[in-house]
Amino acid sequence: MISRGTETKEQIIERFKTAYNEINELNKYNYVVVNDDLEDCVEKVNSIIISNKYRVDRIEEMSVENKEEFMHELLIDKEFENIKLDLEE
């Protein structure tokens, strides 16, 4: 930043303060991506987005794709006795 000459000394100090505070909050996050190379950064963020779809804690959010999964969801939600099912399809 100093060699670029785009920020004043005060702006650089503020940026370092912000970075220091962010580093101290690191334990609140699941992922860290350092934006030092744009293409690499984009690839990492895309990987995080893709992997997030397959987290174990998202199983409840998955769509029901077959009769077995449908039955399982009904049993979990304890709605089984209140719903008439047509399983002959």
N, C-alpha and C. Protein backbone atom coordinates (compact mmCIF):
# COMPACT_ATOMS: atom_id res chain seq x y z
N MET A 1 0.82 -1.20 0.00
CA MET A 1 0.00 0.00 0.00
C MET A 1 0.86 1.26 0.00
N ILE A 2 1.94 1.18 0.72
CA ILE A 2 2.81 2.35 0.78
C ILE A 2 3.41 2.63 -0.59
N SER A 3 3.87 1.58 -1.27
CA SER A 3 4.50 1.78 -2.58
C SER A 3 3.51 2.22 -3.65
N ARG A 4 2.23 1.85 -3.48
CA ARG A 4 1.21 2.32 -4.44
C ARG A 4 0.99 3.82 -4.34
N GLY A 5 1.10 4.32 -3.12
CA GLY A 5 0.90 5.75 -2.91
C GLY A 5 -0.54 6.22 -3.08
N THR A 6 -1.49 5.31 -2.93
CA THR A 6 -2.90 5.68 -3.12
C THR A 6 -3.59 6.06 -1.82
N GLU A 7 -2.98 5.72 -0.67
CA GLU A 7 -3.58 6.04 0.62
C GLU A 7 -2.63 6.92 1.43
N THR A 8 -3.23 7.73 2.28
CA THR A 8 -2.42 8.54 3.19
C THR A 8 -1.96 7.66 4.34
N LYS A 9 -1.03 8.17 5.11
CA LYS A 9 -0.54 7.43 6.28
C LYS A 9 -1.69 7.12 7.23
N GLU A 10 -2.60 8.07 7.42
CA GLU A 10 -3.75 7.86 8.31
C GLU A 10 -4.69 6.78 7.78
N GLN A 11 -4.90 6.75 6.46
CA GLN A 11 -5.75 5.73 5.86
C GLN A 11 -5.14 4.34 6.01
N ILE A 12 -3.83 4.26 5.85
CA ILE A 12 -3.14 2.98 6.01
C ILE A 12 -3.28 2.49 7.44
N ILE A 13 -3.10 3.38 8.40
CA ILE A 13 -3.25 3.01 9.82
C ILE A 13 -4.67 2.51 10.08
N GLU A 14 -5.67 3.20 9.53
CA GLU A 14 -7.07 2.77 9.70
C GLU A 14 -7.31 1.40 9.09
N ARG A 15 -6.74 1.16 7.93
CA ARG A 15 -6.90 -0.16 7.29
C ARG A 15 -6.27 -1.26 8.13
N PHE A 16 -5.11 -0.98 8.71
CA PHE A 16 -4.47 -1.97 9.57
C PHE A 16 -5.26 -2.20 10.85
N LYS A 17 -5.86 -1.15 11.38
CA LYS A 17 -6.72 -1.31 12.56
C LYS A 17 -7.91 -2.20 12.23
N THR A 18 -8.51 -1.95 11.08
CA THR A 18 -9.65 -2.76 10.64
C THR A 18 -9.24 -4.22 10.46
N ALA A 19 -8.11 -4.43 9.81
CA ALA A 19 -7.61 -5.80 9.59
C ALA A 19 -7.34 -6.48 10.93
N TYR A 20 -6.75 -5.77 11.86
CA TYR A 20 -6.45 -6.33 13.18
C TYR A 20 -7.75 -6.75 13.88
N ASN A 21 -8.75 -5.88 13.83
CA ASN A 21 -10.04 -6.21 14.45
C ASN A 21 -10.69 -7.41 13.77
N GLU A 22 -10.59 -7.50 12.45
CA GLU A 22 -11.16 -8.63 11.73
C GLU A 22 -10.45 -9.94 12.11
N ILE A 23 -9.15 -9.88 12.24
CA ILE A 23 -8.38 -11.07 12.63
C ILE A 23 -8.79 -11.54 14.02
N ASN A 24 -9.06 -10.61 14.91
CA ASN A 24 -9.49 -10.98 16.26
C ASN A 24 -10.89 -11.57 16.30
N GLU A 25 -11.67 -11.39 15.25
CA GLU A 25 -13.02 -11.95 15.16
C GLU A 25 -13.04 -13.24 14.34
N LEU A 26 -11.90 -13.74 13.96
CA LEU A 26 -11.78 -14.89 13.07
C LEU A 26 -12.55 -16.11 13.55
N ASN A 27 -12.60 -16.32 14.85
CA ASN A 27 -13.26 -17.51 15.39
C ASN A 27 -14.78 -17.48 15.18
N LYS A 28 -15.33 -16.38 14.73
CA LYS A 28 -16.76 -16.28 14.47
C LYS A 28 -17.14 -16.74 13.07
N TYR A 29 -16.16 -17.07 12.27
CA TYR A 29 -16.41 -17.41 10.87
C TYR A 29 -16.02 -18.85 10.57
N ASN A 30 -16.60 -19.41 9.52
CA ASN A 30 -16.28 -20.76 9.09
C ASN A 30 -15.20 -20.80 8.02
N TYR A 31 -15.05 -19.72 7.28
CA TYR A 31 -14.12 -19.70 6.16
C TYR A 31 -13.34 -18.38 6.17
N VAL A 32 -12.13 -18.45 5.62
CA VAL A 32 -11.32 -17.25 5.44
C VAL A 32 -10.80 -17.27 4.01
N VAL A 33 -11.02 -16.17 3.31
CA VAL A 33 -10.51 -16.02 1.96
C VAL A 33 -9.74 -14.70 1.92
N VAL A 34 -8.47 -14.80 1.62
CA VAL A 34 -7.64 -13.60 1.51
C VAL A 34 -7.68 -13.14 0.06
N ASN A 35 -8.06 -11.91 -0.14
CA ASN A 35 -8.22 -11.38 -1.49
C ASN A 35 -6.89 -10.84 -2.00
N ASP A 36 -5.96 -11.75 -2.28
CA ASP A 36 -4.66 -11.32 -2.79
C ASP A 36 -4.50 -11.59 -4.29
N ASP A 37 -5.28 -12.52 -4.82
CA ASP A 37 -5.28 -12.82 -6.25
C ASP A 37 -6.73 -13.03 -6.65
N LEU A 38 -7.26 -12.19 -7.54
CA LEU A 38 -8.69 -12.20 -7.85
C LEU A 38 -9.17 -13.56 -8.35
N GLU A 39 -8.49 -14.15 -9.31
CA GLU A 39 -8.93 -15.45 -9.86
C GLU A 39 -8.92 -16.53 -8.79
N ASP A 40 -7.88 -16.55 -7.99
CA ASP A 40 -7.77 -17.53 -6.91
C ASP A 40 -8.88 -17.31 -5.88
N CYS A 41 -9.13 -16.06 -5.57
CA CYS A 41 -10.17 -15.71 -4.60
C CYS A 41 -11.55 -16.14 -5.10
N VAL A 42 -11.85 -15.88 -6.34
CA VAL A 42 -13.14 -16.27 -6.93
C VAL A 42 -13.29 -17.78 -6.88
N GLU A 43 -12.23 -18.50 -7.20
CA GLU A 43 -12.26 -19.98 -7.17
C GLU A 43 -12.54 -20.48 -5.75
N LYS A 44 -11.89 -19.88 -4.78
CA LYS A 44 -12.10 -20.29 -3.38
C LYS A 44 -13.53 -20.01 -2.92
N VAL A 45 -14.04 -18.84 -3.25
CA VAL A 45 -15.41 -18.50 -2.86
C VAL A 45 -16.40 -19.44 -3.53
N ASN A 46 -16.21 -19.75 -4.80
CA ASN A 46 -17.08 -20.71 -5.48
C ASN A 46 -17.02 -22.08 -4.82
N SER A 47 -15.85 -22.51 -4.41
CA SER A 47 -15.70 -23.79 -3.71
C SER A 47 -16.46 -23.79 -2.40
N ILE A 48 -16.40 -22.68 -1.69
CA ILE A 48 -17.13 -22.57 -0.42
C ILE A 48 -18.63 -22.66 -0.67
N ILE A 49 -19.11 -21.97 -1.68
CA ILE A 49 -20.54 -22.00 -2.00
C ILE A 49 -20.98 -23.42 -2.33
N ILE A 50 -20.20 -24.11 -3.15
CA ILE A 50 -20.55 -25.48 -3.53
C ILE A 50 -20.51 -26.40 -2.32
N SER A 51 -19.45 -26.33 -1.53
CA SER A 51 -19.33 -27.23 -0.37
C SER A 51 -20.41 -26.95 0.67
N ASN A 52 -20.86 -25.72 0.75
CA ASN A 52 -21.89 -25.36 1.71
C ASN A 52 -23.21 -26.07 1.44
N LYS A 53 -23.46 -26.40 0.18
CA LYS A 53 -24.68 -27.11 -0.18
C LYS A 53 -24.73 -28.52 0.42
N TYR A 54 -23.57 -29.07 0.75
CA TYR A 54 -23.48 -30.46 1.19
C TYR A 54 -23.14 -30.60 2.67
N ARG A 55 -23.27 -29.52 3.44
CA ARG A 55 -23.01 -29.61 4.87
C ARG A 55 -24.05 -30.49 5.55
N VAL A 56 -23.63 -31.23 6.53
CA VAL A 56 -24.51 -32.15 7.24
C VAL A 56 -25.67 -31.41 7.89
N ASP A 57 -25.43 -30.24 8.42
CA ASP A 57 -26.51 -29.52 9.09
C ASP A 57 -27.56 -28.98 8.14
N ARG A 58 -27.38 -29.18 6.85
CA ARG A 58 -28.37 -28.74 5.86
C ARG A 58 -29.26 -29.88 5.40
N ILE A 59 -29.10 -31.06 5.96
CA ILE A 59 -29.87 -32.22 5.51
C ILE A 59 -31.37 -31.95 5.60
N GLU A 60 -31.81 -31.27 6.64
CA GLU A 60 -33.23 -30.96 6.80
C GLU A 60 -33.74 -30.08 5.66
N GLU A 61 -32.86 -29.32 5.04
CA GLU A 61 -33.27 -28.41 3.99
C GLU A 61 -33.30 -29.08 2.61
N MET A 62 -32.82 -30.32 2.53
CA MET A 62 -32.76 -30.99 1.24
C MET A 62 -34.17 -31.30 0.75
N SER A 63 -34.33 -31.33 -0.54
CA SER A 63 -35.64 -31.63 -1.10
C SER A 63 -35.93 -33.12 -1.02
N VAL A 64 -37.19 -33.43 -0.90
CA VAL A 64 -37.63 -34.82 -0.86
C VAL A 64 -37.75 -35.30 -2.29
N GLU A 65 -36.96 -36.33 -2.64
CA GLU A 65 -36.90 -36.76 -4.03
C GLU A 65 -37.55 -38.12 -4.30
N ASN A 66 -37.84 -38.88 -3.26
CA ASN A 66 -38.49 -40.16 -3.50
C ASN A 66 -39.43 -40.50 -2.35
N LYS A 67 -40.19 -41.57 -2.49
CA LYS A 67 -41.20 -41.93 -1.49
C LYS A 67 -40.58 -42.21 -0.12
N GLU A 68 -39.43 -42.87 -0.10
CA GLU A 68 -38.78 -43.18 1.16
C GLU A 68 -38.39 -41.91 1.91
N GLU A 69 -37.83 -40.96 1.19
CA GLU A 69 -37.45 -39.69 1.82
C GLU A 69 -38.69 -38.94 2.28
N PHE A 70 -39.75 -39.00 1.48
CA PHE A 70 -41.00 -38.35 1.85
C PHE A 70 -41.54 -38.94 3.15
N MET A 71 -41.56 -40.25 3.25
CA MET A 71 -42.02 -40.92 4.48
C MET A 71 -41.14 -40.54 5.67
N HIS A 72 -39.87 -40.54 5.45
CA HIS A 72 -38.93 -40.18 6.51
C HIS A 72 -39.22 -38.77 7.03
N GLU A 73 -39.40 -37.83 6.12
CA GLU A 73 -39.69 -36.45 6.51
C GLU A 73 -40.99 -36.36 7.30
N LEU A 74 -41.99 -37.11 6.87
CA LEU A 74 -43.27 -37.10 7.59
C LEU A 74 -43.10 -37.62 9.01
N LEU A 75 -42.34 -38.69 9.15
CA LEU A 75 -42.13 -39.26 10.48
C LEU A 75 -41.35 -38.30 11.37
N ILE A 76 -40.36 -37.68 10.81
CA ILE A 76 -39.58 -36.72 11.58
C ILE A 76 -40.45 -35.55 12.03
N ASP A 77 -41.27 -35.06 11.14
CA ASP A 77 -42.11 -33.90 11.45
C ASP A 77 -43.35 -34.27 12.27
N LYS A 78 -43.54 -35.56 12.55
CA LYS A 78 -44.67 -36.07 13.33
C LYS A 78 -46.02 -35.68 12.74
N GLU A 79 -46.06 -35.63 11.43
CA GLU A 79 -47.30 -35.30 10.74
C GLU A 79 -47.89 -36.54 10.07
N PHE A 80 -47.27 -37.67 10.26
CA PHE A 80 -47.64 -38.88 9.54
C PHE A 80 -49.12 -39.21 9.71
N GLU A 81 -49.65 -39.18 10.93
CA GLU A 81 -51.03 -39.59 11.14
C GLU A 81 -52.06 -38.59 10.62
N ASN A 82 -51.66 -37.38 10.33
CA ASN A 82 -52.58 -36.34 9.89
C ASN A 82 -52.65 -36.19 8.38
N ILE A 83 -51.88 -36.97 7.62
CA ILE A 83 -51.82 -36.80 6.19
C ILE A 83 -52.20 -38.10 5.49
N LYS A 84 -53.12 -38.01 4.54
CA LYS A 84 -53.48 -39.16 3.72
C LYS A 84 -52.45 -39.27 2.60
N LEU A 85 -51.85 -40.43 2.49
CA LEU A 85 -50.79 -40.63 1.50
C LEU A 85 -51.28 -41.51 0.36
N ASP A 86 -50.86 -41.14 -0.83
CA ASP A 86 -51.10 -41.97 -1.99
C ASP A 86 -49.75 -42.51 -2.44
N LEU A 87 -49.39 -43.71 -1.96
CA LEU A 87 -48.08 -44.28 -2.25
C LEU A 87 -48.13 -45.29 -3.38
N GLU A 88 -49.22 -45.37 -4.08
CA GLU A 88 -49.36 -46.35 -5.15
C GLU A 88 -48.80 -45.84 -6.47
N GLU A 89 -48.35 -44.63 -6.54
CA GLU A 89 -47.82 -44.07 -7.80
C GLU A 89 -46.58 -44.77 -8.25
